[in-house]
Amino acid sequence: MPEERRSTDTDPAAPGAFKSRGGLQRVWNAMSYSLAGLRAAFRHEAAFRQELALGIPLLLLAPWLAPGRWQGLAMVASVVLVWVVELLNSAIEALADAVSAERHPLLGRAKDLGSAAVMLCLLQVVVVWAVVLWP
């Protein structure tokens, strides 16, 4: 029986064909892709820029306003979570726009769900900061 070849060795359409092999080069590539994503979000996403403009001052104030280390961590984490979810929402929207320029109920639902996730994170920031700073 002939030796089976791995599907990723020569078939670029096979699942996992574009996965890296690992090592320091993989870490470097992952970091550069991540930075490219942050640059793209800053350049193309107004909501991300607005959330940065609101979040950065909050991050700078958190160490002075928080009564303790864990409360400060919760305050910072709530702001960073907004950015993470906004990046995911922007990725969903970009993918939906790439799939079809026409209106489709499922694509609209995907965009609405992403937007709802961001809204819940923003509400969480308000609640966390209010609970921590409530006298």
N, C-alpha and C. Protein backbone atom coordinates (compact mmCIF):
# COMPACT_ATOMS: atom_id res chain seq x y z
N MET A 1 0.85 -1.18 0.00
CA MET A 1 0.00 0.00 0.00
C MET A 1 0.89 1.23 0.00
N PRO A 2 0.60 2.22 -0.86
CA PRO A 2 1.45 3.40 -0.93
C PRO A 2 1.34 4.23 0.35
N GLU A 3 2.42 4.91 0.63
CA GLU A 3 2.46 5.76 1.82
C GLU A 3 1.50 6.94 1.63
N GLU A 4 0.70 7.19 2.65
CA GLU A 4 -0.24 8.31 2.56
C GLU A 4 0.51 9.61 2.77
N ARG A 5 0.19 10.57 1.95
CA ARG A 5 0.80 11.88 2.14
C ARG A 5 -0.12 12.73 3.02
N ARG A 6 0.48 13.63 3.73
CA ARG A 6 -0.30 14.54 4.56
C ARG A 6 -0.99 15.52 3.65
N SER A 7 -2.26 15.80 3.92
CA SER A 7 -3.03 16.68 3.05
C SER A 7 -2.46 18.09 3.02
N THR A 8 -1.74 18.49 4.05
CA THR A 8 -1.23 19.85 4.09
C THR A 8 0.12 19.99 3.40
N ASP A 9 0.73 18.87 2.99
CA ASP A 9 2.06 18.96 2.40
C ASP A 9 2.06 19.65 1.04
N THR A 10 1.12 19.30 0.18
CA THR A 10 1.16 19.85 -1.17
C THR A 10 -0.15 20.45 -1.63
N ASP A 11 -1.22 20.27 -0.89
CA ASP A 11 -2.54 20.74 -1.31
C ASP A 11 -2.89 22.02 -0.55
N PRO A 12 -2.74 23.18 -1.19
CA PRO A 12 -3.01 24.42 -0.46
C PRO A 12 -4.47 24.60 -0.08
N ALA A 13 -5.39 23.86 -0.72
CA ALA A 13 -6.80 23.99 -0.39
C ALA A 13 -7.20 23.11 0.79
N ALA A 14 -6.30 22.25 1.23
CA ALA A 14 -6.61 21.36 2.34
C ALA A 14 -6.70 22.15 3.64
N PRO A 15 -7.57 21.70 4.56
CA PRO A 15 -7.65 22.39 5.85
C PRO A 15 -6.30 22.40 6.54
N GLY A 16 -5.93 23.52 7.08
CA GLY A 16 -4.67 23.64 7.79
C GLY A 16 -3.46 23.85 6.90
N ALA A 17 -3.68 24.02 5.60
CA ALA A 17 -2.54 24.16 4.68
C ALA A 17 -1.76 25.45 4.94
N PHE A 18 -2.43 26.44 5.48
CA PHE A 18 -1.76 27.72 5.70
C PHE A 18 -1.34 27.92 7.15
N LYS A 19 -1.46 26.90 7.94
CA LYS A 19 -1.02 26.97 9.33
C LYS A 19 0.49 26.93 9.38
N SER A 20 1.04 27.69 10.31
CA SER A 20 2.50 27.71 10.44
C SER A 20 2.96 26.49 11.23
N ARG A 21 4.22 26.24 11.19
CA ARG A 21 4.81 25.08 11.85
C ARG A 21 5.18 25.36 13.32
N GLY A 22 5.30 26.59 13.70
CA GLY A 22 5.64 26.91 15.08
C GLY A 22 6.98 27.60 15.18
N GLY A 23 7.44 27.77 16.40
CA GLY A 23 8.72 28.40 16.63
C GLY A 23 8.63 29.91 16.79
N LEU A 24 9.78 30.53 16.91
CA LEU A 24 9.83 31.98 17.12
C LEU A 24 9.30 32.76 15.92
N GLN A 25 9.50 32.23 14.73
CA GLN A 25 8.98 32.92 13.54
C GLN A 25 7.45 33.01 13.60
N ARG A 26 6.82 31.97 14.10
CA ARG A 26 5.36 31.97 14.23
C ARG A 26 4.92 33.06 15.21
N VAL A 27 5.63 33.19 16.32
CA VAL A 27 5.30 34.21 17.31
C VAL A 27 5.46 35.60 16.70
N TRP A 28 6.54 35.81 15.99
CA TRP A 28 6.79 37.10 15.34
C TRP A 28 5.70 37.42 14.32
N ASN A 29 5.35 36.42 13.49
CA ASN A 29 4.30 36.62 12.50
C ASN A 29 2.96 36.93 13.16
N ALA A 30 2.64 36.21 14.22
CA ALA A 30 1.37 36.44 14.93
C ALA A 30 1.33 37.85 15.48
N MET A 31 2.44 38.32 16.03
CA MET A 31 2.48 39.67 16.57
C MET A 31 2.30 40.70 15.46
N SER A 32 2.95 40.48 14.33
CA SER A 32 2.82 41.45 13.24
C SER A 32 1.40 41.46 12.68
N TYR A 33 0.74 40.29 12.61
CA TYR A 33 -0.66 40.25 12.15
C TYR A 33 -1.56 40.97 13.15
N SER A 34 -1.30 40.79 14.43
CA SER A 34 -2.10 41.46 15.46
C SER A 34 -1.95 42.97 15.39
N LEU A 35 -0.72 43.44 15.22
CA LEU A 35 -0.50 44.88 15.09
C LEU A 35 -1.15 45.43 13.83
N ALA A 36 -1.12 44.66 12.76
CA ALA A 36 -1.80 45.08 11.52
C ALA A 36 -3.30 45.19 11.76
N GLY A 37 -3.85 44.27 12.54
CA GLY A 37 -5.27 44.34 12.87
C GLY A 37 -5.61 45.56 13.70
N LEU A 38 -4.76 45.88 14.67
CA LEU A 38 -5.00 47.09 15.47
C LEU A 38 -4.90 48.36 14.61
N ARG A 39 -3.91 48.39 13.71
CA ARG A 39 -3.80 49.54 12.80
C ARG A 39 -5.03 49.66 11.91
N ALA A 40 -5.50 48.54 11.38
CA ALA A 40 -6.69 48.55 10.52
C ALA A 40 -7.91 49.03 11.29
N ALA A 41 -8.07 48.56 12.52
CA ALA A 41 -9.20 48.99 13.33
C ALA A 41 -9.14 50.48 13.59
N PHE A 42 -7.95 50.97 13.92
CA PHE A 42 -7.81 52.40 14.19
C PHE A 42 -8.08 53.23 12.93
N ARG A 43 -7.60 52.75 11.80
CA ARG A 43 -7.73 53.48 10.54
C ARG A 43 -9.16 53.45 10.00
N HIS A 44 -9.85 52.31 10.12
CA HIS A 44 -11.12 52.13 9.42
C HIS A 44 -12.36 52.09 10.31
N GLU A 45 -12.20 52.01 11.60
CA GLU A 45 -13.35 51.83 12.49
C GLU A 45 -13.51 53.02 13.44
N ALA A 46 -14.49 53.87 13.14
CA ALA A 46 -14.74 55.05 13.97
C ALA A 46 -15.12 54.66 15.40
N ALA A 47 -15.91 53.61 15.54
CA ALA A 47 -16.32 53.19 16.89
C ALA A 47 -15.10 52.79 17.73
N PHE A 48 -14.14 52.10 17.12
CA PHE A 48 -12.94 51.71 17.84
C PHE A 48 -12.16 52.94 18.29
N ARG A 49 -12.03 53.92 17.41
CA ARG A 49 -11.32 55.16 17.79
C ARG A 49 -12.04 55.88 18.92
N GLN A 50 -13.37 55.91 18.88
CA GLN A 50 -14.13 56.56 19.94
C GLN A 50 -13.96 55.82 21.27
N GLU A 51 -13.99 54.50 21.21
CA GLU A 51 -13.83 53.72 22.44
C GLU A 51 -12.41 53.85 23.00
N LEU A 52 -11.43 53.99 22.13
CA LEU A 52 -10.07 54.27 22.61
C LEU A 52 -10.01 55.64 23.27
N ALA A 53 -10.64 56.62 22.64
CA ALA A 53 -10.62 57.99 23.18
C ALA A 53 -11.27 58.05 24.56
N LEU A 54 -12.29 57.25 24.77
CA LEU A 54 -12.93 57.21 26.09
C LEU A 54 -12.19 56.31 27.06
N GLY A 55 -11.63 55.22 26.55
CA GLY A 55 -11.03 54.22 27.42
C GLY A 55 -9.65 54.57 27.93
N ILE A 56 -8.83 55.19 27.11
CA ILE A 56 -7.45 55.50 27.55
C ILE A 56 -7.43 56.40 28.78
N PRO A 57 -8.22 57.48 28.81
CA PRO A 57 -8.23 58.27 30.06
C PRO A 57 -8.72 57.47 31.27
N LEU A 58 -9.69 56.58 31.04
CA LEU A 58 -10.15 55.74 32.15
C LEU A 58 -9.04 54.83 32.65
N LEU A 59 -8.26 54.26 31.72
CA LEU A 59 -7.15 53.40 32.13
C LEU A 59 -6.12 54.19 32.94
N LEU A 60 -5.90 55.42 32.55
CA LEU A 60 -4.92 56.25 33.27
C LEU A 60 -5.44 56.66 34.65
N LEU A 61 -6.76 56.81 34.78
CA LEU A 61 -7.33 57.21 36.06
C LEU A 61 -7.52 56.04 37.03
N ALA A 62 -7.70 54.84 36.51
CA ALA A 62 -8.03 53.68 37.34
C ALA A 62 -7.08 53.46 38.51
N PRO A 63 -5.76 53.53 38.34
CA PRO A 63 -4.88 53.29 39.49
C PRO A 63 -5.06 54.30 40.62
N TRP A 64 -5.45 55.52 40.30
CA TRP A 64 -5.62 56.54 41.33
C TRP A 64 -7.01 56.50 41.95
N LEU A 65 -8.00 56.06 41.19
CA LEU A 65 -9.37 56.06 41.70
C LEU A 65 -9.72 54.77 42.43
N ALA A 66 -9.11 53.67 42.05
CA ALA A 66 -9.46 52.37 42.63
C ALA A 66 -9.00 52.30 44.08
N PRO A 67 -9.88 51.82 44.96
CA PRO A 67 -9.47 51.71 46.36
C PRO A 67 -8.50 50.55 46.62
N GLY A 68 -8.41 49.61 45.71
CA GLY A 68 -7.51 48.48 45.90
C GLY A 68 -7.05 47.92 44.56
N ARG A 69 -6.11 47.01 44.66
CA ARG A 69 -5.51 46.43 43.44
C ARG A 69 -6.53 45.66 42.61
N TRP A 70 -7.38 44.86 43.27
CA TRP A 70 -8.34 44.03 42.54
C TRP A 70 -9.44 44.89 41.91
N GLN A 71 -9.82 45.94 42.60
CA GLN A 71 -10.82 46.84 42.02
C GLN A 71 -10.24 47.55 40.80
N GLY A 72 -8.98 47.96 40.89
CA GLY A 72 -8.32 48.59 39.74
C GLY A 72 -8.23 47.64 38.57
N LEU A 73 -7.93 46.38 38.86
CA LEU A 73 -7.87 45.38 37.80
C LEU A 73 -9.23 45.22 37.13
N ALA A 74 -10.29 45.18 37.92
CA ALA A 74 -11.64 45.05 37.35
C ALA A 74 -11.98 46.26 36.49
N MET A 75 -11.59 47.43 36.93
CA MET A 75 -11.86 48.65 36.16
C MET A 75 -11.12 48.61 34.82
N VAL A 76 -9.85 48.25 34.85
CA VAL A 76 -9.04 48.18 33.63
C VAL A 76 -9.57 47.08 32.71
N ALA A 77 -9.86 45.91 33.27
CA ALA A 77 -10.33 44.78 32.47
C ALA A 77 -11.65 45.09 31.77
N SER A 78 -12.52 45.82 32.44
CA SER A 78 -13.80 46.15 31.82
C SER A 78 -13.60 47.03 30.59
N VAL A 79 -12.66 47.95 30.65
CA VAL A 79 -12.38 48.83 29.50
C VAL A 79 -11.73 48.04 28.38
N VAL A 80 -10.74 47.21 28.71
CA VAL A 80 -10.05 46.43 27.69
C VAL A 80 -11.02 45.46 27.02
N LEU A 81 -11.97 44.92 27.78
CA LEU A 81 -12.95 44.01 27.20
C LEU A 81 -13.78 44.70 26.12
N VAL A 82 -14.10 45.96 26.32
CA VAL A 82 -14.82 46.71 25.28
C VAL A 82 -14.01 46.72 23.99
N TRP A 83 -12.73 46.97 24.09
CA TRP A 83 -11.88 47.01 22.89
C TRP A 83 -11.82 45.65 22.20
N VAL A 84 -11.69 44.60 22.99
CA VAL A 84 -11.62 43.25 22.43
C VAL A 84 -12.90 42.92 21.69
N VAL A 85 -14.04 43.19 22.33
CA VAL A 85 -15.32 42.85 21.70
C VAL A 85 -15.56 43.75 20.48
N GLU A 86 -15.13 44.98 20.53
CA GLU A 86 -15.26 45.86 19.36
C GLU A 86 -14.42 45.34 18.20
N LEU A 87 -13.23 44.84 18.47
CA LEU A 87 -12.42 44.25 17.41
C LEU A 87 -13.11 43.03 16.79
N LEU A 88 -13.69 42.19 17.63
CA LEU A 88 -14.41 41.03 17.12
C LEU A 88 -15.64 41.46 16.32
N ASN A 89 -16.35 42.47 16.81
CA ASN A 89 -17.51 42.99 16.09
C ASN A 89 -17.09 43.55 14.73
N SER A 90 -16.00 44.27 14.70
CA SER A 90 -15.50 44.83 13.43
C SER A 90 -15.11 43.71 12.47
N ALA A 91 -14.53 42.63 13.00
CA ALA A 91 -14.18 41.50 12.15
C ALA A 91 -15.43 40.85 11.56
N ILE A 92 -16.47 40.70 12.37
CA ILE A 92 -17.73 40.14 11.88
C ILE A 92 -18.31 41.03 10.79
N GLU A 93 -18.32 42.34 11.02
CA GLU A 93 -18.87 43.26 10.03
C GLU A 93 -18.06 43.24 8.74
N ALA A 94 -16.75 43.21 8.84
CA ALA A 94 -15.91 43.16 7.63
C ALA A 94 -16.16 41.88 6.85
N LEU A 95 -16.26 40.78 7.56
CA LEU A 95 -16.52 39.50 6.89
C LEU A 95 -17.90 39.50 6.24
N ALA A 96 -18.89 40.02 6.93
CA ALA A 96 -20.24 40.08 6.37
C ALA A 96 -20.26 40.95 5.11
N ASP A 97 -19.55 42.06 5.15
CA ASP A 97 -19.49 42.94 3.97
C ASP A 97 -18.74 42.29 2.82
N ALA A 98 -17.74 41.47 3.14
CA ALA A 98 -16.98 40.80 2.09
C ALA A 98 -17.80 39.68 1.45
N VAL A 99 -18.66 39.04 2.23
CA VAL A 99 -19.47 37.93 1.72
C VAL A 99 -20.51 38.44 0.74
N SER A 100 -21.16 39.54 1.07
CA SER A 100 -22.21 40.04 0.20
C SER A 100 -22.45 41.52 0.46
N ALA A 101 -22.59 42.27 -0.63
CA ALA A 101 -22.93 43.69 -0.51
C ALA A 101 -24.43 43.88 -0.41
N GLU A 102 -25.19 42.83 -0.71
CA GLU A 102 -26.65 42.90 -0.64
C GLU A 102 -27.11 42.63 0.79
N ARG A 103 -28.30 43.12 1.09
CA ARG A 103 -28.87 42.88 2.42
C ARG A 103 -29.28 41.41 2.52
N HIS A 104 -28.90 40.81 3.63
CA HIS A 104 -29.30 39.43 3.91
C HIS A 104 -29.67 39.38 5.39
N PRO A 105 -30.79 38.76 5.73
CA PRO A 105 -31.22 38.76 7.13
C PRO A 105 -30.21 38.15 8.10
N LEU A 106 -29.52 37.10 7.68
CA LEU A 106 -28.55 36.49 8.58
C LEU A 106 -27.31 37.35 8.76
N LEU A 107 -26.87 38.02 7.70
CA LEU A 107 -25.73 38.93 7.84
C LEU A 107 -26.12 40.12 8.71
N GLY A 108 -27.33 40.62 8.53
CA GLY A 108 -27.80 41.71 9.38
C GLY A 108 -27.89 41.29 10.84
N ARG A 109 -28.35 40.05 11.06
CA ARG A 109 -28.43 39.54 12.43
C ARG A 109 -27.04 39.42 13.04
N ALA A 110 -26.08 38.93 12.25
CA ALA A 110 -24.71 38.79 12.77
C ALA A 110 -24.15 40.16 13.18
N LYS A 111 -24.39 41.17 12.35
CA LYS A 111 -23.92 42.52 12.69
C LYS A 111 -24.62 43.05 13.93
N ASP A 112 -25.93 42.82 14.03
CA ASP A 112 -26.69 43.28 15.20
C ASP A 112 -26.23 42.58 16.48
N LEU A 113 -25.94 41.29 16.38
CA LEU A 113 -25.47 40.55 17.55
C LEU A 113 -24.10 41.07 18.02
N GLY A 114 -23.23 41.36 17.08
CA GLY A 114 -21.93 41.94 17.44
C GLY A 114 -22.08 43.28 18.11
N SER A 115 -22.98 44.08 17.57
CA SER A 115 -23.24 45.40 18.15
C SER A 115 -23.82 45.27 19.56
N ALA A 116 -24.71 44.32 19.76
CA ALA A 116 -25.28 44.09 21.09
C ALA A 116 -24.20 43.67 22.08
N ALA A 117 -23.24 42.87 21.63
CA ALA A 117 -22.15 42.45 22.51
C ALA A 117 -21.32 43.65 22.97
N VAL A 118 -21.05 44.57 22.05
CA VAL A 118 -20.31 45.78 22.41
C VAL A 118 -21.11 46.61 23.40
N MET A 119 -22.42 46.76 23.15
CA MET A 119 -23.26 47.54 24.05
C MET A 119 -23.25 46.95 25.47
N LEU A 120 -23.34 45.63 25.58
CA LEU A 120 -23.31 45.00 26.90
C LEU A 120 -21.98 45.25 27.60
N CYS A 121 -20.90 45.24 26.84
CA CYS A 121 -19.59 45.52 27.44
C CYS A 121 -19.51 46.96 27.92
N LEU A 122 -20.06 47.87 27.15
CA LEU A 122 -20.07 49.27 27.58
C LEU A 122 -20.90 49.45 28.86
N LEU A 123 -22.04 48.76 28.93
CA LEU A 123 -22.83 48.81 30.16
C LEU A 123 -22.06 48.20 31.33
N GLN A 124 -21.29 47.16 31.05
CA GLN A 124 -20.49 46.53 32.10
C GLN A 124 -19.45 47.52 32.65
N VAL A 125 -18.86 48.32 31.78
CA VAL A 125 -17.89 49.34 32.25
C VAL A 125 -18.58 50.27 33.24
N VAL A 126 -19.75 50.73 32.90
CA VAL A 126 -20.48 51.65 33.77
C VAL A 126 -20.77 50.97 35.12
N VAL A 127 -21.23 49.74 35.08
CA VAL A 127 -21.57 49.03 36.32
C VAL A 127 -20.32 48.78 37.16
N VAL A 128 -19.26 48.29 36.55
CA VAL A 128 -18.04 48.00 37.31
C VAL A 128 -17.48 49.27 37.94
N TRP A 129 -17.37 50.33 37.17
CA TRP A 129 -16.83 51.57 37.70
C TRP A 129 -17.73 52.13 38.80
N ALA A 130 -19.06 52.05 38.61
CA ALA A 130 -19.99 52.55 39.63
C ALA A 130 -19.87 51.75 40.92
N VAL A 131 -19.79 50.43 40.81
CA VAL A 131 -19.68 49.59 42.01
C VAL A 131 -18.37 49.87 42.75
N VAL A 132 -17.29 49.99 42.00
CA VAL A 132 -15.97 50.21 42.63
C VAL A 132 -15.91 51.60 43.28
N LEU A 133 -16.49 52.59 42.63
CA LEU A 133 -16.34 53.97 43.13
C LEU A 133 -17.48 54.40 44.04
N TRP A 134 -18.51 53.56 44.20
CA TRP A 134 -19.63 53.91 45.08
C TRP A 134 -19.12 54.01 46.51
N PRO A 135 -19.43 55.14 47.18
CA PRO A 135 -18.89 55.34 48.55
C PRO A 135 -19.49 54.41 49.57
